[in-house]
Amino acid sequence: MAPPHLGFAGTPTMWPLWPLAALLALSQALPFEQKAFWDFTLDDGLPMLNDEEASGAETTSGIPDLDSLPPTYSAMCPFGCHCHLRVVQCSDLGLKAVPKEISPDTTLLDLQNNDISELRKDDFKGLQHLYALVLVNNKISKIHEKAFSPLRKLQKLYISKNHLVEIPPNLPSSLVELRIHDNRIRKVPKGVFSGLRNMNCIEMGGNPLENSGFEPGAFDGLKLNYLRISEAKLTGIPKDLPETLNELHLDHNKIQAIELEDLLRYSKLYRLGLGHNQIRMIENGSLSFLPTLRELHLDNNKLSRVPAGLPDLKLLQVVYLHTNNITKVGVNDFCPVGFGVKRAYYNGISLFNNPVPYWEVQPATFRCVTDRLAIQFGNYKK
């Protein structure tokens, strides 16, 4: 089982509406990992069992009230772009700057895959109805401190794969989702997210961030649901992350151990991603602070044993432990002793590519697993 990880010219009226449709559809669900054309996708992990708590934190529907907006200014469309139903598509045009003559009723502006290097003070002037701004894969290294001031209704800002060395200043207070991965950010100062009370999702992986780059109080005031700091230079779980987190993804870092109080603040987590690190040790009792955990990703580490405390996690359903150094699996490593203790049965346990003599593992070890197909063994290669 492969582990889940887990442009244009022509008449505007003929252009398909898939960009807006895709964005609005995705706004209904919490993303897990970003890839492909829109730089984001739905989680492709194993399905969770139905549970009254499995839906996670509150989400914003994100669908703009198009009927309340003024009529479309169909005559206003930047040269080379496609404009239809308040969607302005200007990607892959080699643009050096944000184009002019953008209709003031625009709700989605797509500027990805261009050569824009700077966002100036009046680049978005008059775009008070803009809901989503896509700036992925440009060369942006400078942003005026008032560049985003006109965007009073902006909820989604995608500015990944640029040349930013800092978090943009004065982000709109309406912002719900910020994707700023694959830049050159080394520091997250205190107060940079001040006033962003609506923010529930930040993706900042692929930046050269070390633990020392997070100033104390950097996330103060945020009530995040989802945070991803993958493919960075972290050697431990960062301190003082928002206590409201339901999903925390720290995969592809250099974390070596989980100490007792590292997870103390995060009792609302239901998905924790720690795959592709260098974890050798998880201190006994560390996982006891995660009573609502559903998914635990510890694949591609250096663990020599199954982490202690898994049987006590009553809602845990998916555990990824493949590609470690585990040599033995005990009969009580996953399931509690007795009946009626665990509320949700496992529907995925991966142990493949470990030096475990799987023929020696007792069948009772997986007595709280939905069926035998949920267990992945074997395929160990030295």
Protein backbone atom coordinates (compact mmCIF):
# COMPACT_ATOMS: atom_id res chain seq x y z
CA MET A 1 0.00 0.00 0.00
CA ALA A 2 1.50 3.29 -1.03
CA PRO A 3 1.31 5.72 1.90
CA PRO A 4 -1.01 8.62 1.40
CA HIS A 5 0.68 11.63 2.17
CA LEU A 6 -0.95 9.60 4.89
CA GLY A 7 -3.79 31.09 -19.57
CA PHE A 8 -5.18 32.59 -23.00
CA ALA A 9 -6.86 34.60 -25.79
CA GLY A 10 -10.33 34.43 -27.27
CA THR A 11 -13.83 35.52 -26.48
CA PRO A 12 -14.59 35.62 -22.77
CA THR A 13 -18.03 34.03 -23.11
CA MET A 14 -16.55 30.81 -24.51
CA TRP A 15 -14.09 30.19 -21.67
CA PRO A 16 -14.94 27.31 -19.29
CA LEU A 17 -15.65 28.02 -15.66
CA TRP A 18 -13.58 25.28 -14.10
CA PRO A 19 -11.15 27.58 -12.22
CA LEU A 20 -13.92 29.10 -10.13
CA ALA A 21 -15.77 25.81 -9.81
CA ALA A 22 -12.66 24.04 -8.62
CA LEU A 23 -11.84 26.73 -6.11
CA LEU A 24 -15.34 26.86 -4.68
CA ALA A 25 -15.51 23.09 -4.41
CA LEU A 26 -12.21 22.89 -2.62
CA SER A 27 -13.20 25.62 -0.21
CA GLN A 28 -15.61 23.13 1.32
CA ALA A 29 -12.89 20.80 2.57
CA LEU A 30 -9.67 21.10 4.48
CA PRO A 31 -6.66 20.40 2.24
CA PHE A 32 -3.94 17.98 3.21
CA GLU A 33 -1.13 18.37 0.69
CA GLN A 34 -0.52 20.70 -2.23
CA LYS A 35 0.44 19.59 -5.71
CA ALA A 36 -0.47 19.82 -9.40
CA PHE A 37 -1.88 22.80 -11.31
CA TRP A 38 -3.67 24.65 -8.52
CA ASP A 39 -0.97 23.85 -6.01
CA PHE A 40 -3.45 22.19 -3.72
CA THR A 41 -5.70 19.17 -3.62
CA LEU A 42 -7.96 17.20 -1.36
CA ASP A 43 -6.53 14.72 1.07
CA ASP A 44 -6.06 11.37 -0.62
CA GLY A 45 -5.52 9.49 2.60
CA LEU A 46 -7.39 6.52 4.00
CA PRO A 47 -11.01 7.35 4.80
CA MET A 48 -11.80 8.03 8.41
CA LEU A 49 -14.52 6.13 10.19
CA ASN A 50 -17.74 8.05 10.66
CA ASP A 51 -17.66 9.73 14.03
CA GLU A 52 -19.36 12.69 15.54
CA GLU A 53 -15.97 14.28 16.10
CA ALA A 54 -14.31 13.33 12.82
CA SER A 55 -15.26 16.50 10.98
CA GLY A 56 -12.66 18.51 12.88
CA ALA A 57 -12.79 22.22 13.44
CA GLU A 58 -15.25 24.70 12.08
CA THR A 59 -14.67 25.71 8.48
CA THR A 60 -15.68 28.70 6.45
CA SER A 61 -17.80 27.89 3.42
CA GLY A 62 -15.78 30.39 1.41
CA ILE A 63 -18.43 30.80 -1.30
CA PRO A 64 -18.79 34.49 -2.21
CA ASP A 65 -22.32 35.84 -2.50
CA LEU A 66 -22.17 36.49 -6.22
CA ASP A 67 -25.78 37.65 -6.40
CA SER A 68 -25.05 40.54 -4.06
CA LEU A 69 -22.27 41.89 -6.28
CA PRO A 70 -22.76 44.58 -8.93
CA PRO A 71 -23.04 43.54 -12.61
CA THR A 72 -19.97 42.25 -14.40
CA TYR A 73 -17.96 44.88 -16.28
CA SER A 74 -17.52 42.62 -19.30
CA ALA A 75 -15.70 45.30 -21.30
CA MET A 76 -12.91 45.43 -18.71
CA CYS A 77 -10.40 42.66 -19.20
CA PRO A 78 -6.57 42.93 -19.26
CA PHE A 79 -4.99 42.22 -22.64
CA GLY A 80 -4.33 38.51 -23.14
CA CYS A 81 -6.38 37.47 -20.13
CA HIS A 82 -9.71 35.70 -20.02
CA CYS A 83 -12.53 37.16 -18.00
CA HIS A 84 -15.87 35.56 -17.30
CA LEU A 85 -18.27 35.46 -14.37
CA ARG A 86 -15.99 37.56 -12.17
CA VAL A 87 -13.03 35.25 -12.82
CA VAL A 88 -9.93 36.89 -14.32
CA GLN A 89 -7.47 34.35 -15.69
CA CYS A 90 -4.02 35.81 -16.50
CA SER A 91 -1.70 32.87 -15.90
CA ASP A 92 1.22 31.82 -18.12
CA LEU A 93 1.48 35.15 -19.97
CA GLY A 94 4.99 36.24 -19.00
CA LEU A 95 3.61 39.24 -17.13
CA LYS A 96 6.17 41.46 -15.39
CA ALA A 97 3.61 43.25 -13.23
CA VAL A 98 0.00 42.96 -12.09
CA PRO A 99 -2.11 44.03 -15.10
CA LYS A 100 -4.34 47.09 -15.13
CA GLU A 101 -8.03 47.33 -16.10
CA ILE A 102 -9.17 44.51 -13.83
CA SER A 103 -12.92 44.65 -13.28
CA PRO A 104 -13.81 45.90 -9.76
CA ASP A 105 -16.29 43.04 -9.31
CA THR A 106 -13.61 40.35 -9.75
CA THR A 107 -13.74 37.61 -7.14
CA LEU A 108 -10.96 35.33 -8.41
CA LEU A 109 -7.71 36.68 -9.91
CA ASP A 110 -5.27 34.11 -11.24
CA LEU A 111 -1.76 35.43 -11.94
CA GLN A 112 0.25 32.26 -11.46
CA ASN A 113 3.19 31.21 -13.65
CA ASN A 114 4.31 34.70 -14.63
CA ASP A 115 7.40 36.86 -14.04
CA ILE A 116 5.98 39.32 -11.52
CA SER A 117 8.73 40.43 -9.13
CA GLU A 118 7.00 43.10 -7.06
CA LEU A 119 3.55 43.92 -5.68
CA ARG A 120 3.10 47.70 -5.64
CA LYS A 121 0.87 49.95 -3.58
CA ASP A 122 -1.96 50.36 -6.13
CA ASP A 123 -1.74 46.99 -7.91
CA PHE A 124 -5.05 45.84 -6.43
CA LYS A 125 -6.76 49.20 -6.09
CA GLY A 126 -10.55 48.96 -6.36
CA LEU A 127 -10.69 45.17 -6.03
CA GLN A 128 -12.77 45.27 -2.88
CA HIS A 129 -14.72 42.12 -3.84
CA LEU A 130 -11.69 39.91 -4.47
CA TYR A 131 -12.09 36.59 -2.70
CA ALA A 132 -9.09 34.60 -3.97
CA LEU A 133 -5.71 35.78 -5.28
CA VAL A 134 -3.37 33.28 -6.95
CA LEU A 135 0.26 34.40 -7.36
CA VAL A 136 1.94 30.99 -7.36
CA ASN A 137 5.20 30.54 -9.26
CA ASN A 138 6.28 34.11 -9.93
CA LYS A 139 9.43 35.95 -8.88
CA ILE A 140 7.96 38.10 -6.14
CA SER A 141 10.56 39.33 -3.68
CA LYS A 142 9.08 42.70 -2.66
CA ILE A 143 5.60 43.60 -1.43
CA HIS A 144 4.55 47.15 -0.55
CA GLU A 145 3.23 47.42 2.97
CA LYS A 146 -0.12 48.68 1.61
CA ALA A 147 -0.37 46.38 -1.41
CA PHE A 148 -3.16 44.31 0.13
CA SER A 149 -5.02 47.21 1.77
CA PRO A 150 -7.85 47.36 -0.83
CA LEU A 151 -8.59 43.65 -0.48
CA ARG A 152 -11.09 43.84 2.34
CA LYS A 153 -12.83 40.56 1.45
CA LEU A 154 -9.84 38.47 0.49
CA GLN A 155 -10.05 35.01 2.03
CA LYS A 156 -7.52 32.96 0.07
CA LEU A 157 -3.98 34.08 -0.77
CA TYR A 158 -1.76 31.66 -2.68
CA ILE A 159 1.73 33.11 -3.01
CA SER A 160 3.85 29.95 -2.98
CA LYS A 161 6.93 29.38 -5.14
CA ASN A 162 8.23 32.92 -5.11
CA HIS A 163 11.31 34.68 -3.72
CA LEU A 164 9.91 36.02 -0.47
CA VAL A 165 12.25 36.27 2.51
CA GLU A 166 9.56 37.31 4.98
CA ILE A 167 5.85 36.93 5.65
CA PRO A 168 4.05 39.74 3.73
CA PRO A 169 3.14 42.68 6.00
CA ASN A 170 -0.39 43.86 6.74
CA LEU A 171 -2.27 40.85 5.46
CA PRO A 172 -6.05 41.43 5.11
CA SER A 173 -7.93 40.73 8.32
CA SER A 174 -10.48 38.75 6.28
CA LEU A 175 -7.88 36.15 5.28
CA VAL A 176 -8.82 32.53 5.96
CA GLU A 177 -6.14 30.61 4.07
CA LEU A 178 -2.49 31.50 3.39
CA ARG A 179 -0.22 29.34 1.26
CA ILE A 180 3.32 30.62 1.22
CA HIS A 181 5.38 27.47 0.86
CA ASP A 182 8.52 27.20 -1.29
CA ASN A 183 9.87 30.66 -0.63
CA ARG A 184 13.00 31.82 1.22
CA ILE A 185 11.51 32.65 4.59
CA ARG A 186 13.81 32.08 7.57
CA LYS A 187 11.98 33.97 10.29
CA VAL A 188 8.43 34.27 11.60
CA PRO A 189 8.42 37.34 13.88
CA LYS A 190 6.02 38.06 16.67
CA GLY A 191 2.96 40.02 15.53
CA VAL A 192 3.21 39.18 11.85
CA PHE A 193 -0.21 37.48 12.02
CA SER A 194 -1.73 40.05 14.36
CA GLY A 195 -5.43 40.71 13.76
CA LEU A 196 -5.98 37.65 11.54
CA ARG A 197 -8.81 36.25 13.62
CA ASN A 198 -10.41 34.46 10.64
CA MET A 199 -7.30 32.55 9.60
CA ASN A 200 -7.64 28.78 9.90
CA CYS A 201 -5.09 27.39 7.43
CA ILE A 202 -1.42 28.21 6.88
CA GLU A 203 0.91 26.26 4.57
CA MET A 204 4.51 27.43 5.00
CA GLY A 205 6.56 24.35 4.14
CA GLY A 206 9.51 24.38 1.79
CA ASN A 207 11.10 27.38 3.51
CA PRO A 208 14.52 27.23 5.24
CA LEU A 209 12.90 27.60 8.66
CA GLU A 210 14.71 26.41 11.76
CA ASN A 211 13.23 26.19 15.24
CA SER A 212 15.06 29.38 16.20
CA GLY A 213 13.29 31.21 13.35
CA PHE A 214 10.00 31.27 15.23
CA GLU A 215 9.94 34.18 17.65
CA PRO A 216 8.03 33.60 20.90
CA GLY A 217 4.43 34.65 20.28
CA ALA A 218 4.71 34.37 16.48
CA PHE A 219 1.33 32.65 16.32
CA ASP A 220 -0.39 34.63 19.07
CA GLY A 221 -4.06 35.35 18.36
CA LEU A 222 -4.39 32.74 15.63
CA LYS A 223 -7.05 30.05 15.87
CA LEU A 224 -5.66 27.77 13.20
CA ASN A 225 -7.22 24.52 12.17
CA TYR A 226 -4.40 23.43 9.84
CA LEU A 227 -0.65 24.16 9.85
CA ARG A 228 2.01 22.65 7.64
CA ILE A 229 5.73 23.33 8.04
CA SER A 230 7.14 20.48 6.00
CA GLU A 231 10.40 20.33 4.05
CA ALA A 232 12.08 22.81 6.36
CA LYS A 233 15.00 22.53 8.81
CA LEU A 234 13.17 21.79 12.04
CA THR A 235 14.97 19.62 14.60
CA GLY A 236 12.03 19.49 16.99
CA ILE A 237 8.35 20.28 17.24
CA PRO A 238 8.07 24.11 17.38
CA LYS A 239 6.90 25.65 20.64
CA ASP A 240 3.81 27.82 21.10
CA LEU A 241 1.89 26.78 18.02
CA PRO A 242 -1.87 27.49 18.21
CA GLU A 243 -3.65 25.24 20.67
CA THR A 244 -6.64 25.09 18.30
CA LEU A 245 -4.83 22.94 15.71
CA ASN A 246 -6.64 19.91 14.32
CA GLU A 247 -3.92 19.11 11.78
CA LEU A 248 -0.19 19.58 12.17
CA HIS A 249 2.16 18.44 9.41
CA LEU A 250 5.92 18.51 10.06
CA ASP A 251 7.04 15.85 7.60
CA HIS A 252 10.38 16.01 5.76
CA ASN A 253 12.30 17.76 8.52
CA LYS A 254 15.17 16.76 10.83
CA ILE A 255 13.24 15.99 13.98
CA GLN A 256 15.07 13.37 16.05
CA ALA A 257 12.86 12.84 19.08
CA ILE A 258 9.45 13.54 20.59
CA GLU A 259 9.88 14.56 24.20
CA LEU A 260 7.26 14.37 26.91
CA GLU A 261 5.91 17.93 26.73
CA ASP A 262 6.29 18.52 22.99
CA LEU A 263 2.63 17.73 22.32
CA LEU A 264 1.18 19.06 25.57
CA ARG A 265 -0.59 22.03 23.95
CA TYR A 266 -2.20 20.16 21.09
CA SER A 267 -5.00 18.15 22.65
CA LYS A 268 -7.33 18.91 19.71
CA LEU A 269 -5.15 17.30 17.05
CA TYR A 270 -6.80 14.61 14.97
CA ARG A 271 -4.04 14.29 12.36
CA LEU A 272 -0.30 14.52 13.09
CA GLY A 273 2.23 14.18 10.27
CA LEU A 274 5.81 13.39 11.28
CA GLY A 275 6.89 11.19 8.40
CA HIS A 276 10.31 11.49 6.74
CA ASN A 277 12.18 12.73 9.79
CA GLN A 278 14.95 11.17 11.89
CA ILE A 279 12.89 10.21 14.91
CA ARG A 280 14.53 7.51 17.01
CA MET A 281 12.67 8.02 20.27
CA ILE A 282 9.16 8.92 21.38
CA GLU A 283 9.16 9.40 25.12
CA ASN A 284 6.62 7.36 27.06
CA GLY A 285 3.52 9.39 27.75
CA SER A 286 4.05 11.86 24.90
CA LEU A 287 1.04 10.63 22.94
CA SER A 288 -1.26 10.76 25.95
CA PHE A 289 -1.79 14.49 25.31
CA LEU A 290 -3.58 13.68 22.03
CA PRO A 291 -6.90 12.11 23.09
CA THR A 292 -8.72 12.97 19.82
CA LEU A 293 -5.99 11.76 17.43
CA ARG A 294 -7.27 9.83 14.38
CA GLU A 295 -4.19 9.63 12.15
CA LEU A 296 -0.53 9.34 13.11
CA HIS A 297 2.14 9.46 10.41
CA LEU A 298 5.54 8.22 11.60
CA ASP A 299 6.72 6.52 8.44
CA ASN A 300 10.29 6.87 7.15
CA ASN A 301 11.92 7.47 10.51
CA LYS A 302 14.35 5.50 12.67
CA LEU A 303 12.07 3.99 15.28
CA SER A 304 13.11 0.61 16.66
CA ARG A 305 9.77 -0.12 18.33
CA VAL A 306 6.09 0.69 18.07
CA PRO A 307 5.50 3.93 20.04
CA ALA A 308 4.11 3.41 23.51
CA GLY A 309 0.61 4.64 24.27
CA LEU A 310 -1.22 3.75 21.06
CA PRO A 311 -3.77 1.50 22.82
CA ASP A 312 -4.86 4.44 24.98
CA LEU A 313 -5.82 6.58 21.99
CA LYS A 314 -9.48 5.62 21.77
CA LEU A 315 -10.16 7.34 18.44
CA LEU A 316 -6.95 6.40 16.60
CA GLN A 317 -7.75 4.73 13.27
CA VAL A 318 -4.68 5.09 11.04
CA VAL A 319 -1.02 4.57 11.97
CA TYR A 320 1.84 4.73 9.49
CA LEU A 321 5.00 3.08 10.75
CA HIS A 322 6.46 1.74 7.51
CA THR A 323 10.14 2.20 6.67
CA ASN A 324 11.52 2.30 10.19
CA ASN A 325 13.81 -0.04 12.14
CA ILE A 326 11.10 -1.88 14.06
CA THR A 327 12.16 -5.44 14.86
CA LYS A 328 9.34 -6.60 17.15
CA VAL A 329 5.59 -6.04 17.47
CA GLY A 330 4.02 -6.92 20.82
CA VAL A 331 0.55 -8.32 21.27
CA ASN A 332 -0.59 -5.17 23.12
CA ASP A 333 1.24 -2.54 21.06
CA PHE A 334 -1.89 -1.39 19.22
CA CYS A 335 -4.98 -2.63 21.04
CA PRO A 336 -6.05 -2.14 24.64
CA VAL A 337 -6.47 -5.05 26.98
CA GLY A 338 -10.14 -5.92 27.50
CA PHE A 339 -13.27 -4.95 25.64
CA GLY A 340 -15.27 -1.74 25.22
CA VAL A 341 -12.25 0.51 25.68
CA LYS A 342 -11.47 1.60 22.13
CA ARG A 343 -14.23 3.66 20.47
CA ALA A 344 -12.93 3.45 16.88
CA TYR A 345 -11.27 0.42 15.31
CA TYR A 346 -8.18 0.80 13.15
CA ASN A 347 -8.74 0.84 9.40
CA GLY A 348 -5.06 1.22 8.48
CA ILE A 349 -1.81 0.06 10.07
CA SER A 350 1.31 0.06 7.89
CA LEU A 351 4.38 -1.82 9.07
CA PHE A 352 5.97 -2.77 5.75
CA ASN A 353 9.65 -2.23 5.12
CA ASN A 354 10.59 -2.92 8.73
CA PRO A 355 12.83 -5.81 9.87
CA VAL A 356 9.87 -7.46 11.62
CA PRO A 357 9.56 -11.26 11.32
CA TYR A 358 5.87 -10.90 10.58
CA TRP A 359 5.23 -14.64 10.90
CA GLU A 360 6.06 -14.31 14.60
CA VAL A 361 3.46 -11.60 15.24
CA GLN A 362 0.47 -13.00 17.08
CA PRO A 363 -2.92 -12.60 15.36
CA ALA A 364 -4.36 -11.13 18.57
CA THR A 365 -2.07 -8.12 18.06
CA PHE A 366 -4.60 -6.77 15.59
CA ARG A 367 -7.79 -7.69 17.42
CA CYS A 368 -9.05 -4.08 17.20
CA VAL A 369 -8.53 -3.74 13.44
CA THR A 370 -11.49 -3.68 11.04
CA ASP A 371 -10.15 -6.46 8.79
CA ARG A 372 -6.92 -8.10 7.72
CA LEU A 373 -6.64 -5.94 4.59
CA ALA A 374 -6.09 -2.93 6.85
CA ILE A 375 -2.68 -4.31 7.91
CA GLN A 376 0.37 -3.91 5.67
CA PHE A 377 3.40 -6.12 6.35
CA GLY A 378 6.48 -7.45 4.59
CA ASN A 379 8.64 -6.14 1.75
CA TYR A 380 11.65 -5.44 3.98
CA LYS A 381 14.83 -4.65 2.08
CA LYS A 382 18.17 -4.26 3.79
